[in-house]
């Protein structure tokens, strides 16, 4: 699997997990009337950090002229 396909899978996975997290928090709020504000902030800080790290890796690869396994398909 090339790095580009892996990156796209990671991004899709994080978006899916964020959507599932939002649904879970809404269900929790509906049942309890309580909002887990710290958990929400921590979750989105974590996923945003992961996406920024992935973007940084991709930016460095682009700056250096592509990924290491260029031409491998």
PDB file of N, CA and C in Angstrom:
ATOM      1  N   UNK A   1       0.855  -1.175   0.000  1.00  0.00           N
ATOM      2  CA  UNK A   1       0.000   0.000   0.000  1.00  0.00           C
ATOM      3  C   UNK A   1       0.895   1.229   0.000  1.00  0.00           C
ATOM      4  N   UNK A   2       0.612   2.132  -0.883  1.00  0.00           N
ATOM      5  CA  UNK A   2       1.431   3.339  -0.948  1.00  0.00           C
ATOM      6  C   UNK A   2       1.060   4.277   0.184  1.00  0.00           C
ATOM      7  N   UNK A   3       1.949   5.206   0.426  1.00  0.00           N
ATOM      8  CA  UNK A   3       1.733   6.172   1.504  1.00  0.00           C
ATOM      9  C   UNK A   3       0.477   7.000   1.273  1.00  0.00           C
ATOM     10  N   UNK A   4       0.213   7.352   0.016  1.00  0.00           N
ATOM     11  CA  UNK A   4      -0.943   8.176  -0.303  1.00  0.00           C
ATOM     12  C   UNK A   4      -2.241   7.451   0.044  1.00  0.00           C
ATOM     13  N   UNK A   5      -2.326   6.156  -0.305  1.00  0.00           N
ATOM     14  CA  UNK A   5      -3.521   5.385   0.021  1.00  0.00           C
ATOM     15  C   UNK A   5      -3.672   5.252   1.533  1.00  0.00           C
ATOM     16  N   UNK A   6      -2.545   5.056   2.223  1.00  0.00           N
ATOM     17  CA  UNK A   6      -2.579   4.943   3.681  1.00  0.00           C
ATOM     18  C   UNK A   6      -3.086   6.242   4.295  1.00  0.00           C
ATOM     19  N   UNK A   7      -2.597   7.375   3.808  1.00  0.00           N
ATOM     20  CA  UNK A   7      -3.023   8.675   4.328  1.00  0.00           C
ATOM     21  C   UNK A   7      -4.519   8.881   4.134  1.00  0.00           C
ATOM     22  N   UNK A   8      -5.011   8.517   2.966  1.00  0.00           N
ATOM     23  CA  UNK A   8      -6.436   8.669   2.700  1.00  0.00           C
ATOM     24  C   UNK A   8      -7.258   7.770   3.617  1.00  0.00           C
ATOM     25  N   UNK A   9      -6.774   6.569   3.893  1.00  0.00           N
ATOM     26  CA  UNK A   9      -7.484   5.673   4.810  1.00  0.00           C
ATOM     27  C   UNK A   9      -7.499   6.243   6.226  1.00  0.00           C
ATOM     28  N   UNK A  10      -6.389   6.815   6.643  1.00  0.00           N
ATOM     29  CA  UNK A  10      -6.321   7.405   7.989  1.00  0.00           C
ATOM     30  C   UNK A  10      -7.306   8.565   8.098  1.00  0.00           C
ATOM     31  N   UNK A  11      -7.350   9.413   7.091  1.00  0.00           N
ATOM     32  CA  UNK A  11      -8.268  10.554   7.113  1.00  0.00           C
ATOM     33  C   UNK A  11      -9.710  10.067   7.142  1.00  0.00           C
ATOM     34  N   UNK A  12     -10.041   9.096   6.297  1.00  0.00           N
ATOM     35  CA  UNK A  12     -11.410   8.543   6.308  1.00  0.00           C
ATOM     36  C   UNK A  12     -11.747   7.930   7.655  1.00  0.00           C
ATOM     37  N   UNK A  13     -10.794   7.209   8.239  1.00  0.00           N
ATOM     38  CA  UNK A  13     -11.016   6.558   9.527  1.00  0.00           C
ATOM     39  C   UNK A  13     -11.259   7.609  10.618  1.00  0.00           C
ATOM     40  N   UNK A  14     -10.494   8.672  10.632  1.00  0.00           N
ATOM     41  CA  UNK A  14     -10.671   9.716  11.651  1.00  0.00           C
ATOM     42  C   UNK A  14     -12.021  10.410  11.477  1.00  0.00           C
ATOM     43  N   UNK A  15     -12.419  10.687  10.239  1.00  0.00           N
ATOM     44  CA  UNK A  15     -13.726  11.314  10.008  1.00  0.00           C
ATOM     45  C   UNK A  15     -14.845  10.392  10.487  1.00  0.00           C
ATOM     46  N   UNK A  16     -14.722   9.103  10.185  1.00  0.00           N
ATOM     47  CA  UNK A  16     -15.728   8.131  10.629  1.00  0.00           C
ATOM     48  C   UNK A  16     -15.782   8.058  12.150  1.00  0.00           C
ATOM     49  N   UNK A  17     -14.620   7.986  12.783  1.00  0.00           N
ATOM     50  CA  UNK A  17     -14.589   7.933  14.255  1.00  0.00           C
ATOM     51  C   UNK A  17     -15.169   9.204  14.872  1.00  0.00           C
ATOM     52  N   UNK A  18     -14.886  10.364  14.277  1.00  0.00           N
ATOM     53  CA  UNK A  18     -15.453  11.613  14.783  1.00  0.00           C
ATOM     54  C   UNK A  18     -16.978  11.603  14.676  1.00  0.00           C
ATOM     55  N   UNK A  19     -17.501  11.114  13.549  1.00  0.00           N
ATOM     56  CA  UNK A  19     -18.958  11.046  13.381  1.00  0.00           C
ATOM     57  C   UNK A  19     -19.576  10.098  14.407  1.00  0.00           C
ATOM     58  N   UNK A  20     -18.954   8.942  14.616  1.00  0.00           N
ATOM     59  CA  UNK A  20     -19.460   7.994  15.618  1.00  0.00           C
ATOM     60  C   UNK A  20     -19.386   8.578  17.022  1.00  0.00           C
ATOM     61  N   UNK A  21     -18.321   9.312  17.297  1.00  0.00           N
ATOM     62  CA  UNK A  21     -18.167   9.953  18.603  1.00  0.00           C
ATOM     63  C   UNK A  21     -19.279  10.973  18.837  1.00  0.00           C
ATOM     64  N   UNK A  22     -19.573  11.773  17.817  1.00  0.00           N
ATOM     65  CA  UNK A  22     -20.634  12.781  17.933  1.00  0.00           C
ATOM     66  C   UNK A  22     -21.973  12.108  18.209  1.00  0.00           C
ATOM     67  N   UNK A  23     -22.269  11.036  17.494  1.00  0.00           N
ATOM     68  CA  UNK A  23     -23.526  10.307  17.723  1.00  0.00           C
ATOM     69  C   UNK A  23     -23.565   9.765  19.145  1.00  0.00           C
ATOM     70  N   UNK A  24     -22.457   9.179  19.607  1.00  0.00           N
ATOM     71  CA  UNK A  24     -22.412   8.632  20.964  1.00  0.00           C
ATOM     72  C   UNK A  24     -22.619   9.727  22.013  1.00  0.00           C
ATOM     73  N   UNK A  25     -22.004  10.889  21.810  1.00  0.00           N
ATOM     74  CA  UNK A  25     -22.156  11.993  22.758  1.00  0.00           C
ATOM     75  C   UNK A  25     -23.591  12.508  22.749  1.00  0.00           C
ATOM     76  N   UNK A  26     -24.205  12.603  21.580  1.00  0.00           N
ATOM     77  CA  UNK A  26     -25.599  13.053  21.507  1.00  0.00           C
ATOM     78  C   UNK A  26     -26.537  12.080  22.218  1.00  0.00           C
ATOM     79  N   UNK A  27     -26.309  10.788  22.044  1.00  0.00           N
ATOM     80  CA  UNK A  27     -27.129   9.780  22.733  1.00  0.00           C
ATOM     81  C   UNK A  27     -26.914   9.883  24.240  1.00  0.00           C
ATOM     82  N   UNK A  28     -25.670  10.022  24.655  1.00  0.00           N
ATOM     83  CA  UNK A  28     -25.362  10.175  26.081  1.00  0.00           C
ATOM     84  C   UNK A  28     -26.040  11.413  26.649  1.00  0.00           C
ATOM     85  N   UNK A  29     -25.973  12.514  25.927  1.00  0.00           N
ATOM     86  CA  UNK A  29     -26.594  13.758  26.387  1.00  0.00           C
ATOM     87  C   UNK A  29     -28.115  13.611  26.462  1.00  0.00           C
ATOM     88  N   UNK A  30     -28.690  12.928  25.482  1.00  0.00           N
ATOM     89  CA  UNK A  30     -30.140  12.733  25.467  1.00  0.00           C
ATOM     90  C   UNK A  30     -30.591  11.895  26.661  1.00  0.00           C
ATOM     91  N   UNK A  31     -29.795  10.884  27.025  1.00  0.00           N
ATOM     92  CA  UNK A  31     -30.163  10.004  28.142  1.00  0.00           C
ATOM     93  C   UNK A  31     -29.885  10.629  29.506  1.00  0.00           C
ATOM     94  N   UNK A  32     -28.795  11.357  29.637  1.00  0.00           N
ATOM     95  CA  UNK A  32     -28.404  11.850  30.957  1.00  0.00           C
ATOM     96  C   UNK A  32     -28.626  13.341  31.148  1.00  0.00           C
ATOM     97  N   UNK A  33     -28.663  14.108  30.053  1.00  0.00           N
ATOM     98  CA  UNK A  33     -28.770  15.554  30.168  1.00  0.00           C
ATOM     99  C   UNK A  33     -27.455  16.200  30.572  1.00  0.00           C
ATOM    100  N   UNK A  34     -26.383  15.403  30.527  1.00  0.00           N
ATOM    101  CA  UNK A  34     -25.066  15.895  30.920  1.00  0.00           C
ATOM    102  C   UNK A  34     -24.117  15.839  29.732  1.00  0.00           C
ATOM    103  N   UNK A  35     -23.343  16.908  29.571  1.00  0.00           N
ATOM    104  CA  UNK A  35     -22.396  16.993  28.461  1.00  0.00           C
ATOM    105  C   UNK A  35     -20.977  16.750  28.967  1.00  0.00           C
ATOM    106  N   UNK A  36     -20.266  15.758  28.396  1.00  0.00           N
ATOM    107  CA  UNK A  36     -18.877  15.508  28.815  1.00  0.00           C
ATOM    108  C   UNK A  36     -17.911  16.460  28.105  1.00  0.00           C
ATOM    109  N   UNK A  37     -17.896  17.706  28.526  1.00  0.00           N
ATOM    110  CA  UNK A  37     -17.148  18.757  27.825  1.00  0.00           C
ATOM    111  C   UNK A  37     -15.655  18.460  27.730  1.00  0.00           C
ATOM    112  N   UNK A  38     -15.064  17.964  28.803  1.00  0.00           N
ATOM    113  CA  UNK A  38     -13.629  17.682  28.786  1.00  0.00           C
ATOM    114  C   UNK A  38     -13.307  16.550  27.819  1.00  0.00           C
ATOM    115  N   UNK A  39     -14.140  15.526  27.807  1.00  0.00           N
ATOM    116  CA  UNK A  39     -13.941  14.409  26.882  1.00  0.00           C
ATOM    117  C   UNK A  39     -14.069  14.874  25.442  1.00  0.00           C
ATOM    118  N   UNK A  40     -15.055  15.711  25.170  1.00  0.00           N
ATOM    119  CA  UNK A  40     -15.257  16.227  23.814  1.00  0.00           C
ATOM    120  C   UNK A  40     -14.041  17.029  23.374  1.00  0.00           C
ATOM    121  N   UNK A  41     -13.581  17.929  24.214  1.00  0.00           N
ATOM    122  CA  UNK A  41     -12.416  18.758  23.873  1.00  0.00           C
ATOM    123  C   UNK A  41     -11.177  17.887  23.664  1.00  0.00           C
ATOM    124  N   UNK A  42     -10.984  16.906  24.523  1.00  0.00           N
ATOM    125  CA  UNK A  42      -9.816  16.036  24.408  1.00  0.00           C
ATOM    126  C   UNK A  42      -9.864  15.194  23.141  1.00  0.00           C
ATOM    127  N   UNK A  43     -11.036  14.660  22.831  1.00  0.00           N
ATOM    128  CA  UNK A  43     -11.177  13.822  21.637  1.00  0.00           C
ATOM    129  C   UNK A  43     -10.845  14.609  20.368  1.00  0.00           C
ATOM    130  N   UNK A  44     -11.437  15.788  20.231  1.00  0.00           N
ATOM    131  CA  UNK A  44     -11.208  16.564  19.015  1.00  0.00           C
ATOM    132  C   UNK A  44      -9.800  17.147  18.973  1.00  0.00           C
ATOM    133  N   UNK A  45      -9.198  17.417  20.116  1.00  0.00           N
ATOM    134  CA  UNK A  45      -7.795  17.848  20.133  1.00  0.00           C
ATOM    135  C   UNK A  45      -6.899  16.711  19.653  1.00  0.00           C
ATOM    136  N   UNK A  46      -7.189  15.491  20.084  1.00  0.00           N
ATOM    137  CA  UNK A  46      -6.409  14.328  19.666  1.00  0.00           C
ATOM    138  C   UNK A  46      -6.526  14.085  18.160  1.00  0.00           C
ATOM    139  N   UNK A  47      -7.759  14.045  17.651  1.00  0.00           N
ATOM    140  CA  UNK A  47      -7.933  13.748  16.226  1.00  0.00           C
ATOM    141  C   UNK A  47      -7.383  14.877  15.347  1.00  0.00           C
ATOM    142  N   UNK A  48      -7.524  16.114  15.793  1.00  0.00           N
ATOM    143  CA  UNK A  48      -6.960  17.232  15.041  1.00  0.00           C
ATOM    144  C   UNK A  48      -5.439  17.146  15.032  1.00  0.00           C
ATOM    145  N   UNK A  49      -4.863  16.797  16.160  1.00  0.00           N
ATOM    146  CA  UNK A  49      -3.410  16.624  16.236  1.00  0.00           C
ATOM    147  C   UNK A  49      -2.914  15.534  15.302  1.00  0.00           C
ATOM    148  N   UNK A  50      -3.648  14.442  15.222  1.00  0.00           N
ATOM    149  CA  UNK A  50      -3.268  13.357  14.313  1.00  0.00           C
ATOM    150  C   UNK A  50      -3.314  13.820  12.863  1.00  0.00           C
ATOM    151  N   UNK A  51      -4.356  14.564  12.510  1.00  0.00           N
ATOM    152  CA  UNK A  51      -4.463  15.057  11.141  1.00  0.00           C
ATOM    153  C   UNK A  51      -3.354  16.062  10.825  1.00  0.00           C
ATOM    154  N   UNK A  52      -3.016  16.928  11.771  1.00  0.00           N
ATOM    155  CA  UNK A  52      -1.928  17.881  11.566  1.00  0.00           C
ATOM    156  C   UNK A  52      -0.597  17.161  11.403  1.00  0.00           C
ATOM    157  N   UNK A  53      -0.381  16.110  12.193  1.00  0.00           N
ATOM    158  CA  UNK A  53       0.859  15.337  12.083  1.00  0.00           C
ATOM    159  C   UNK A  53       0.951  14.667  10.710  1.00  0.00           C
ATOM    160  N   UNK A  54      -0.148  14.092  10.258  1.00  0.00           N
ATOM    161  CA  UNK A  54      -0.178  13.476   8.935  1.00  0.00           C
ATOM    162  C   UNK A  54       0.079  14.505   7.845  1.00  0.00           C
ATOM    163  N   UNK A  55      -0.514  15.684   7.986  1.00  0.00           N
ATOM    164  CA  UNK A  55      -0.294  16.757   7.015  1.00  0.00           C
ATOM    165  C   UNK A  55       1.172  17.190   7.013  1.00  0.00           C
ATOM    166  N   UNK A  56       1.792  17.234   8.176  1.00  0.00           N
ATOM    167  CA  UNK A  56       3.203  17.594   8.265  1.00  0.00           C
ATOM    168  C   UNK A  56       4.090  16.579   7.566  1.00  0.00           C
ATOM    169  N   UNK A  57       3.770  15.310   7.730  1.00  0.00           N
ATOM    170  CA  UNK A  57       4.529  14.261   7.052  1.00  0.00           C
ATOM    171  C   UNK A  57       4.389  14.403   5.541  1.00  0.00           C
ATOM    172  N   UNK A  58       3.156  14.601   5.082  1.00  0.00           N
ATOM    173  CA  UNK A  58       2.924  14.754   3.644  1.00  0.00           C
ATOM    174  C   UNK A  58       3.624  15.995   3.100  1.00  0.00           C
ATOM    175  N   UNK A  59       3.614  17.082   3.869  1.00  0.00           N
ATOM    176  CA  UNK A  59       4.258  18.326   3.444  1.00  0.00           C
ATOM    177  C   UNK A  59       5.772  18.109   3.292  1.00  0.00           C
ATOM    178  N   UNK A  60       6.382  17.396   4.235  1.00  0.00           N
ATOM    179  CA  UNK A  60       7.812  17.117   4.147  1.00  0.00           C
ATOM    180  C   UNK A  60       8.135  16.228   2.957  1.00  0.00           C
ATOM    181  N   UNK A  61       7.286  15.231   2.704  1.00  0.00           N
ATOM    182  CA  UNK A  61       7.506  14.366   1.543  1.00  0.00           C
ATOM    183  C   UNK A  61       7.442  15.176   0.253  1.00  0.00           C
ATOM    184  N   UNK A  62       6.485  16.076   0.179  1.00  0.00           N
ATOM    185  CA  UNK A  62       6.339  16.910  -1.009  1.00  0.00           C
ATOM    186  C   UNK A  62       7.538  17.835  -1.172  1.00  0.00           C
ATOM    187  N   UNK A  63       7.978  18.405  -0.057  1.00  0.00           N
ATOM    188  CA  UNK A  63       9.121  19.316  -0.091  1.00  0.00           C
ATOM    189  C   UNK A  63      10.397  18.592  -0.521  1.00  0.00           C
ATOM    190  N   UNK A  64      10.556  17.336  -0.099  1.00  0.00           N
ATOM    191  CA  UNK A  64      11.763  16.569  -0.433  1.00  0.00           C
ATOM    192  C   UNK A  64      11.657  15.876  -1.781  1.00  0.00           C
ATOM    193  N   UNK A  65      10.508  15.984  -2.450  1.00  0.00           N
ATOM    194  CA  UNK A  65      10.412  15.432  -3.791  1.00  0.00           C
ATOM    195  C   UNK A  65       9.659  14.129  -3.877  1.00  0.00           C
ATOM    196  N   UNK A  66       8.732  13.864  -2.985  1.00  0.00           N
ATOM    197  CA  UNK A  66       7.913  12.663  -3.092  1.00  0.00           C
ATOM    198  C   UNK A  66       8.207  11.663  -1.994  1.00  0.00           C
ATOM    199  N   UNK A  67       7.426  10.595  -2.006  1.00  0.00           N
ATOM    200  CA  UNK A  67       7.574   9.559  -0.968  1.00  0.00           C
ATOM    201  C   UNK A  67       8.731   8.632  -1.321  1.00  0.00           C
ATOM    202  N   UNK A  68       9.146   7.840  -0.359  1.00  0.00           N
ATOM    203  CA  UNK A  68      10.269   6.935  -0.531  1.00  0.00           C
ATOM    204  C   UNK A  68       9.960   5.793  -1.495  1.00  0.00           C
ATOM    205  N   UNK A  69       8.695   5.363  -1.585  1.00  0.00           N
ATOM    206  CA  UNK A  69       8.379   4.231  -2.442  1.00  0.00           C
ATOM    207  C   UNK A  69       7.708   4.691  -3.736  1.00  0.00           C
ATOM    208  N   UNK A  70       8.211   5.776  -4.290  1.00  0.00           N
ATOM    209  CA  UNK A  70       7.713   6.268  -5.567  1.00  0.00           C
ATOM    210  C   UNK A  70       8.017   5.232  -6.650  1.00  0.00           C
ATOM    211  N   UNK A  71       7.044   4.975  -7.498  1.00  0.00           N
ATOM    212  CA  UNK A  71       7.235   4.010  -8.556  1.00  0.00           C
ATOM    213  C   UNK A  71       6.887   2.606  -8.162  1.00  0.00           C
ATOM    214  N   UNK A  72       6.629   2.358  -6.887  1.00  0.00           N
ATOM    215  CA  UNK A  72       6.208   1.037  -6.434  1.00  0.00           C
ATOM    216  C   UNK A  72       4.694   1.016  -6.418  1.00  0.00           C
ATOM    217  N   UNK A  73       4.106   0.139  -7.189  1.00  0.00           N
ATOM    218  CA  UNK A  73       2.648   0.101  -7.266  1.00  0.00           C
ATOM    219  C   UNK A  73       2.125  -1.238  -6.892  1.00  0.00           C
TER     220      UNK A  73
END
